[in-house]
C-alpha atoms as a PDB file:
ATOM      1  CA  MET A   1      29.137 236.082  87.598  1.00  0.00           C
ATOM      2  CA  GLY A   2      30.396 235.609  91.097  1.00  0.00           C
ATOM      3  CA  SER A   3      31.371 239.285  91.431  1.00  0.00           C
ATOM      4  CA  LYS A   4      30.460 241.245  94.593  1.00  0.00           C
ATOM      5  CA  VAL A   5      28.197 244.310  94.464  1.00  0.00           C
ATOM      6  CA  ASP A   6      27.692 246.982  97.165  1.00  0.00           C
ATOM      7  CA  LEU A   7      24.249 248.591  97.171  1.00  0.00           C
ATOM      8  CA  GLY A   8      23.244 251.768  99.021  1.00  0.00           C
ATOM      9  CA  VAL A   9      20.546 251.559 101.721  1.00  0.00           C
ATOM     10  CA  LEU A  10      17.535 253.920 101.771  1.00  0.00           C
ATOM     11  CA  MET A  11      16.040 252.711 105.057  1.00  0.00           C
ATOM     12  CA  LEU A  12      17.386 250.449 107.774  1.00  0.00           C
ATOM     13  CA  GLY A  13      15.430 248.982 110.654  1.00  0.00           C
ATOM     14  CA  GLY A  14      15.897 246.497 113.441  1.00  0.00           C
ATOM     15  CA  ASN A  15      15.573 246.128 117.249  1.00  0.00           C
ATOM     16  CA  GLY A  16      12.677 248.619 117.264  1.00  0.00           C
ATOM     17  CA  ASP A  17      14.952 251.226 115.705  1.00  0.00           C
ATOM     18  CA  THR A  18      14.447 252.676 112.220  1.00  0.00           C
ATOM     19  CA  GLN A  19      16.877 254.876 110.284  1.00  0.00           C
ATOM     20  CA  ILE A  20      15.741 256.731 107.190  1.00  0.00           C
ATOM     21  CA  GLY A  21      18.411 258.122 104.865  1.00  0.00           C
ATOM     22  CA  THR A  22      18.415 261.390 102.976  1.00  0.00           C
ATOM     23  CA  PRO A  23      18.781 259.875 100.358  1.00  0.00           C
ATOM     24  CA  LEU A  24      20.961 257.046 101.792  1.00  0.00           C
ATOM     25  CA  VAL A  25      21.757 255.891 105.333  1.00  0.00           C
ATOM     26  CA  ASP A  26      25.352 256.886 106.168  1.00  0.00           C
ATOM     27  CA  GLY A  27      27.705 253.899 106.533  1.00  0.00           C
ATOM     28  CA  ALA A  28      25.049 251.297 105.633  1.00  0.00           C
ATOM     29  CA  LYS A  29      25.260 249.000 102.639  1.00  0.00           C
ATOM     30  CA  VAL A  30      24.077 245.672 101.311  1.00  0.00           C
ATOM     31  CA  VAL A  31      26.697 243.251  99.988  1.00  0.00           C
ATOM     32  CA  ALA A  32      25.387 240.963  97.250  1.00  0.00           C
ATOM     33  CA  GLU A  33      26.858 238.482  94.777  1.00  0.00           C
ATOM     34  CA  VAL A  34      25.895 238.202  91.110  1.00  0.00           C
ATOM     35  CA  ILE A  35      24.375 234.776  90.484  1.00  0.00           C
ATOM     36  CA  GLU A  36      23.488 235.032  86.789  1.00  0.00           C
ATOM     37  CA  HIS A  37      22.566 237.312  83.923  1.00  0.00           C
ATOM     38  CA  LEU A  38      19.370 236.453  82.096  1.00  0.00           C
ATOM     39  CA  ARG A  39      16.604 237.898  79.963  1.00  0.00           C
ATOM     40  CA  ALA A  40      12.918 238.270  80.793  1.00  0.00           C
ATOM     41  CA  ASP A  41      10.075 236.839  78.711  1.00  0.00           C
ATOM     42  CA  LYS A  42       9.411 238.537  75.401  1.00  0.00           C
ATOM     43  CA  ILE A  43       6.635 241.103  75.288  1.00  0.00           C
ATOM     44  CA  ARG A  44       4.911 241.950  72.023  1.00  0.00           C
ATOM     45  CA  ILE A  45       4.321 245.556  70.981  1.00  0.00           C
ATOM     46  CA  MET A  46       1.920 246.517  68.193  1.00  0.00           C
ATOM     47  CA  LYS A  47       1.614 250.044  66.844  1.00  0.00           C
ATOM     48  CA  TYR A  48      -1.329 250.787  64.570  1.00  0.00           C
ATOM     49  CA  LYS A  49      -2.650 253.941  62.933  1.00  0.00           C
ATOM     50  CA  ASN A  50      -5.943 253.651  61.130  1.00  0.00           C
ATOM     51  CA  LYS A  51      -6.525 255.067  57.649  1.00  0.00           C
ATOM     52  CA  THR A  52      -2.777 255.301  56.941  1.00  0.00           C
ATOM     53  CA  ARG A  53      -1.908 251.612  56.480  1.00  0.00           C
ATOM     54  CA  ARG A  54       0.611 251.773  59.328  1.00  0.00           C
ATOM     55  CA  ARG A  55       1.129 248.590  61.309  1.00  0.00           C
ATOM     56  CA  GLN A  56       4.321 247.889  63.205  1.00  0.00           C
ATOM     57  CA  ARG A  57       5.075 244.798  65.290  1.00  0.00           C
ATOM     58  CA  MET A  58       7.989 244.705  67.680  1.00  0.00           C
ATOM     59  CA  GLY A  59       9.182 242.570  70.558  1.00  0.00           C
ATOM     60  CA  HIS A  60      11.281 243.343  73.609  1.00  0.00           C
ATOM     61  CA  ARG A  61      13.248 241.252  76.138  1.00  0.00           C
ATOM     62  CA  GLN A  62      14.565 243.049  79.213  1.00  0.00           C
ATOM     63  CA  ASP A  63      18.070 242.173  80.476  1.00  0.00           C
ATOM     64  CA  LEU A  64      18.051 241.056  84.136  1.00  0.00           C
ATOM     65  CA  THR A  65      20.699 240.276  86.767  1.00  0.00           C
ATOM     66  CA  ARG A  66      19.946 237.857  89.622  1.00  0.00           C
ATOM     67  CA  LEU A  67      21.651 238.784  92.921  1.00  0.00           C
ATOM     68  CA  GLN A  68      22.067 236.901  96.186  1.00  0.00           C
ATOM     69  CA  VAL A  69      22.331 239.017  99.340  1.00  0.00           C
ATOM     70  CA  LYS A  70      25.361 237.984 101.413  1.00  0.00           C
ATOM     71  CA  GLU A  71      25.223 240.502 104.283  1.00  0.00           C
ATOM     72  CA  ILE A  72      23.620 243.746 105.426  1.00  0.00           C
ATOM     73  CA  VAL A  73      26.033 246.223 107.013  1.00  0.00           C
ATOM     74  CA  GLY A  74      24.662 249.026 109.226  1.00  0.00           C
ATOM     75  CA  ALA A  75      26.371 252.197 110.420  1.00  0.00           C
ATOM     76  CA  GLY A  76      27.646 250.353 113.531  1.00  0.00           C
ATOM     77  CA  GLY A  77      28.839 247.187 111.751  1.00  0.00           C
ATOM     78  CA  VAL A  78      27.380 243.954 110.380  1.00  0.00           C
ATOM     79  CA  VAL A  79      23.662 243.710 111.106  1.00  0.00           C
ATOM     80  CA  SER A  80      23.080 240.267 109.637  1.00  0.00           C
ATOM     81  CA  LYS A  81      24.790 237.674 107.506  1.00  0.00           C
ATOM     82  CA  VAL A  82      22.844 235.538 105.129  1.00  0.00           C
ATOM     83  CA  GLU A  83      23.989 231.949 105.074  1.00  0.00           C
ATOM     84  CA  LYS A  84      23.762 229.877 101.971  1.00  0.00           C
ATOM     85  CA  PRO A  85      20.701 227.663 102.255  1.00  0.00           C
ATOM     86  CA  LYS A  86      21.578 224.023 102.717  1.00  0.00           C
ATOM     87  CA  ARG A  87      20.349 221.606 100.141  1.00  0.00           C
ATOM     88  CA  GLN A  88      17.838 219.167 101.481  1.00  0.00           C
ATOM     89  CA  LYS A  89      18.680 215.534 101.133  1.00  0.00           C
ATOM     90  CA  LYS A  90      16.410 213.403  99.052  1.00  0.00           C
ATOM     91  CA  ALA A  91      13.858 211.546 101.082  1.00  0.00           C
ATOM     92  CA  GLU A  92      14.972 208.010 101.757  1.00  0.00           C
ATOM     93  CA  PRO A  93      12.646 205.351 100.363  1.00  0.00           C
ATOM     94  CA  GLN A  94      10.234 203.945 102.932  1.00  0.00           C
ATOM     95  CA  PRO A  95      10.847 200.292 103.814  1.00  0.00           C
ATOM     96  CA  GLU A  96       8.155 197.939 102.580  1.00  0.00           C
ATOM     97  CA  PRO A  97       5.642 196.830 105.224  1.00  0.00           C
ATOM     98  CA  GLU A  98       6.211 193.484 106.813  1.00  0.00           C
ATOM     99  CA  PRO A  99       4.383 190.555 105.218  1.00  0.00           C
ATOM    100  CA  GLU A 100       2.485 189.894 108.466  1.00  0.00           C
ATOM    101  CA  ALA A 101       0.839 193.316 108.252  1.00  0.00           C
ATOM    102  CA  SER A 102      -0.344 192.652 104.700  1.00  0.00           C
ATOM    103  CA  VAL A 103      -1.768 189.239 105.743  1.00  0.00           C
ATOM    104  CA  LYS A 104      -3.735 190.894 108.568  1.00  0.00           C
ATOM    105  CA  ALA A 105      -5.127 193.471 106.167  1.00  0.00           C
ATOM    106  CA  ALA A 106      -6.200 190.727 103.726  1.00  0.00           C
ATOM    107  CA  THR A 107      -7.936 188.655 106.405  1.00  0.00           C
ATOM    108  CA  GLU A 108     -10.043 191.566 107.658  1.00  0.00           C
ATOM    109  CA  ALA A 109     -13.493 191.856 106.095  1.00  0.00           C
ATOM    110  CA  PRO A 110     -13.442 194.355 103.230  1.00  0.00           C
ATOM    111  CA  VAL A 111     -15.608 197.400 103.735  1.00  0.00           C
ATOM    112  CA  GLU A 112     -18.346 197.560 101.132  1.00  0.00           C
ATOM    113  CA  GLU A 113     -18.663 200.945  99.562  1.00  0.00           C
ATOM    114  CA  THR A 114     -22.088 202.159  98.577  1.00  0.00           C
ATOM    115  CA  PRO A 115     -22.200 203.152  94.928  1.00  0.00           C
ATOM    116  CA  LYS A 116     -22.817 206.777  94.076  1.00  0.00           C
ATOM    117  CA  PRO A 117     -26.439 207.469  93.174  1.00  0.00           C
ATOM    118  CA  ARG A 118     -26.943 208.088  89.497  1.00  0.00           C
ATOM    119  CA  ARG A 119     -28.366 211.341  88.278  1.00  0.00           C
ATOM    120  CA  ALA A 120     -31.982 211.219  87.260  1.00  0.00           C
ATOM    121  CA  ARG A 121     -32.397 211.734  83.556  1.00  0.00           C
ATOM    122  CA  ALA A 122     -34.878 214.150  82.108  1.00  0.00           C
ATOM    123  CA  PRO A 123     -37.978 212.401  80.742  1.00  0.00           C
ATOM    124  CA  LYS A 124     -37.960 211.920  76.998  1.00  0.00           C
ATOM    125  CA  VAL A 125     -40.450 213.947  75.010  1.00  0.00           C
ATOM    126  CA  ALA A 126     -42.993 211.704  73.327  1.00  0.00           C
ATOM    127  CA  ALA A 127     -42.832 211.666  69.554  1.00  0.00           C
ATOM    128  CA  GLU A 128     -45.583 213.584  67.776  1.00  0.00           C
ATOM    129  CA  PRO A 129     -48.329 211.475  66.264  1.00  0.00           C
ATOM    130  CA  ALA A 130     -47.970 210.995  62.534  1.00  0.00           C
ATOM    131  CA  ALA A 131     -51.265 212.784  61.766  1.00  0.00           C
ATOM    132  CA  GLU A 132     -50.158 215.984  63.506  1.00  0.00           C
ATOM    133  CA  ALA A 133     -46.764 215.893  61.780  1.00  0.00           C
ATOM    134  CA  GLU A 134     -48.415 215.530  58.349  1.00  0.00           C
ATOM    135  CA  ALA A 135     -50.800 218.397  59.078  1.00  0.00           C
ATOM    136  CA  LYS A 136     -47.901 220.661  59.996  1.00  0.00           C
ATOM    137  CA  SER A 137     -45.947 219.727  56.877  1.00  0.00           C
ATOM    138  CA  GLU A 138     -49.004 220.324  54.625  1.00  0.00           C
ATOM    139  CA  ALA A 139     -49.566 223.724  56.179  1.00  0.00           C
ATOM    140  CA  SER A 140     -46.002 224.695  55.535  1.00  0.00           C
ATOM    141  CA  VAL A 141     -46.248 223.483  51.927  1.00  0.00           C
ATOM    142  CA  GLU A 142     -49.324 225.613  51.322  1.00  0.00           C
ATOM    143  CA  VAL A 143     -47.590 228.741  52.584  1.00  0.00           C
ATOM    144  CA  GLU A 144     -44.527 228.027  50.512  1.00  0.00           C
ATOM    145  CA  GLY A 145     -46.591 227.222  47.408  1.00  0.00           C
ATOM    146  CA  GLU A 146     -48.362 230.583  47.278  1.00  0.00           C
ATOM    147  CA  ASP A 147     -47.032 233.016  44.716  1.00  0.00           C
ATOM    148  CA  GLN A 148     -45.683 235.788  46.849  1.00  0.00           C
ATOM    149  CA  PRO A 149     -43.122 238.145  45.406  1.00  0.00           C
ATOM    150  CA  ALA A 150     -39.879 238.177  47.318  1.00  0.00           C
ATOM    151  CA  PRO A 151     -39.323 241.451  49.160  1.00  0.00           C
ATOM    152  CA  LYS A 152     -36.873 243.704  47.414  1.00  0.00           C
ATOM    153  CA  PRO A 153     -33.860 244.834  49.356  1.00  0.00           C
ATOM    154  CA  ARG A 154     -34.023 248.488  50.256  1.00  0.00           C
ATOM    155  CA  ALA A 155     -31.116 250.362  48.757  1.00  0.00           C
ATOM    156  CA  ARG A 156     -30.370 254.036  49.036  1.00  0.00           C
ATOM    157  CA  ARG A 157     -30.153 255.709  45.702  1.00  0.00           C
ATOM    158  CA  SER A 158     -29.846 259.273  44.658  1.00  0.00           C
ATOM    159  CA  LYS A 159     -32.909 260.894  43.081  1.00  0.00           C
ATOM    160  CA  ALA A 160     -31.245 260.949  39.646  1.00  0.00           C
ATOM    161  CA  LYS A 161     -30.548 257.206  39.690  1.00  0.00           C
ATOM    162  CA  ALA A 162     -34.060 256.464  40.983  1.00  0.00           C
ATOM    163  CA  GLU A 163     -35.581 258.432  38.052  1.00  0.00           C
ATOM    164  CA  GLU A 164     -33.376 256.572  35.555  1.00  0.00           C
ATOM    165  CA  ALA A 165     -34.454 253.212  36.986  1.00  0.00           C
ATOM    166  CA  GLU A 166     -38.166 254.180  36.745  1.00  0.00           C
ATOM    167  CA  GLY A 167     -37.748 255.413  33.159  1.00  0.00           C
ATOM    168  CA  GLU A 168     -36.356 252.108  31.921  1.00  0.00           C
END
């Protein structure tokens, strides 16, 4: 940390002038300082092959280096220097308003706010009369009370097994 790094420049532009390197611009470089070394968030990797019972879980964290650009040097000399950003001072606390201002605000008539209109509710469905409810329940009892054989589940069987089942 704190070490200087020189990086090659692929393209350099400024003042309406653009230089493109093949592969690098001659005499141009970027001077940077290493701020910190860190690692990226973990990514999860899952490998799976069906029918072979193969499941493999892995994770990976990429190593990263954070750089701060100090200056950009062109073929003719220093193009620009990057100054360290100044830290902003904390905002000073606002002084409390004078008591006279608060007295004036209290003596003024308060503004009445109109309440928000309430949403209209959906009308409630009237309960069914008892006679209709009993008729429905009796009808359902009659259908349930009839002796109807339960449907058999359809299963696929080979002809040999079907013949054995019929013979028994």
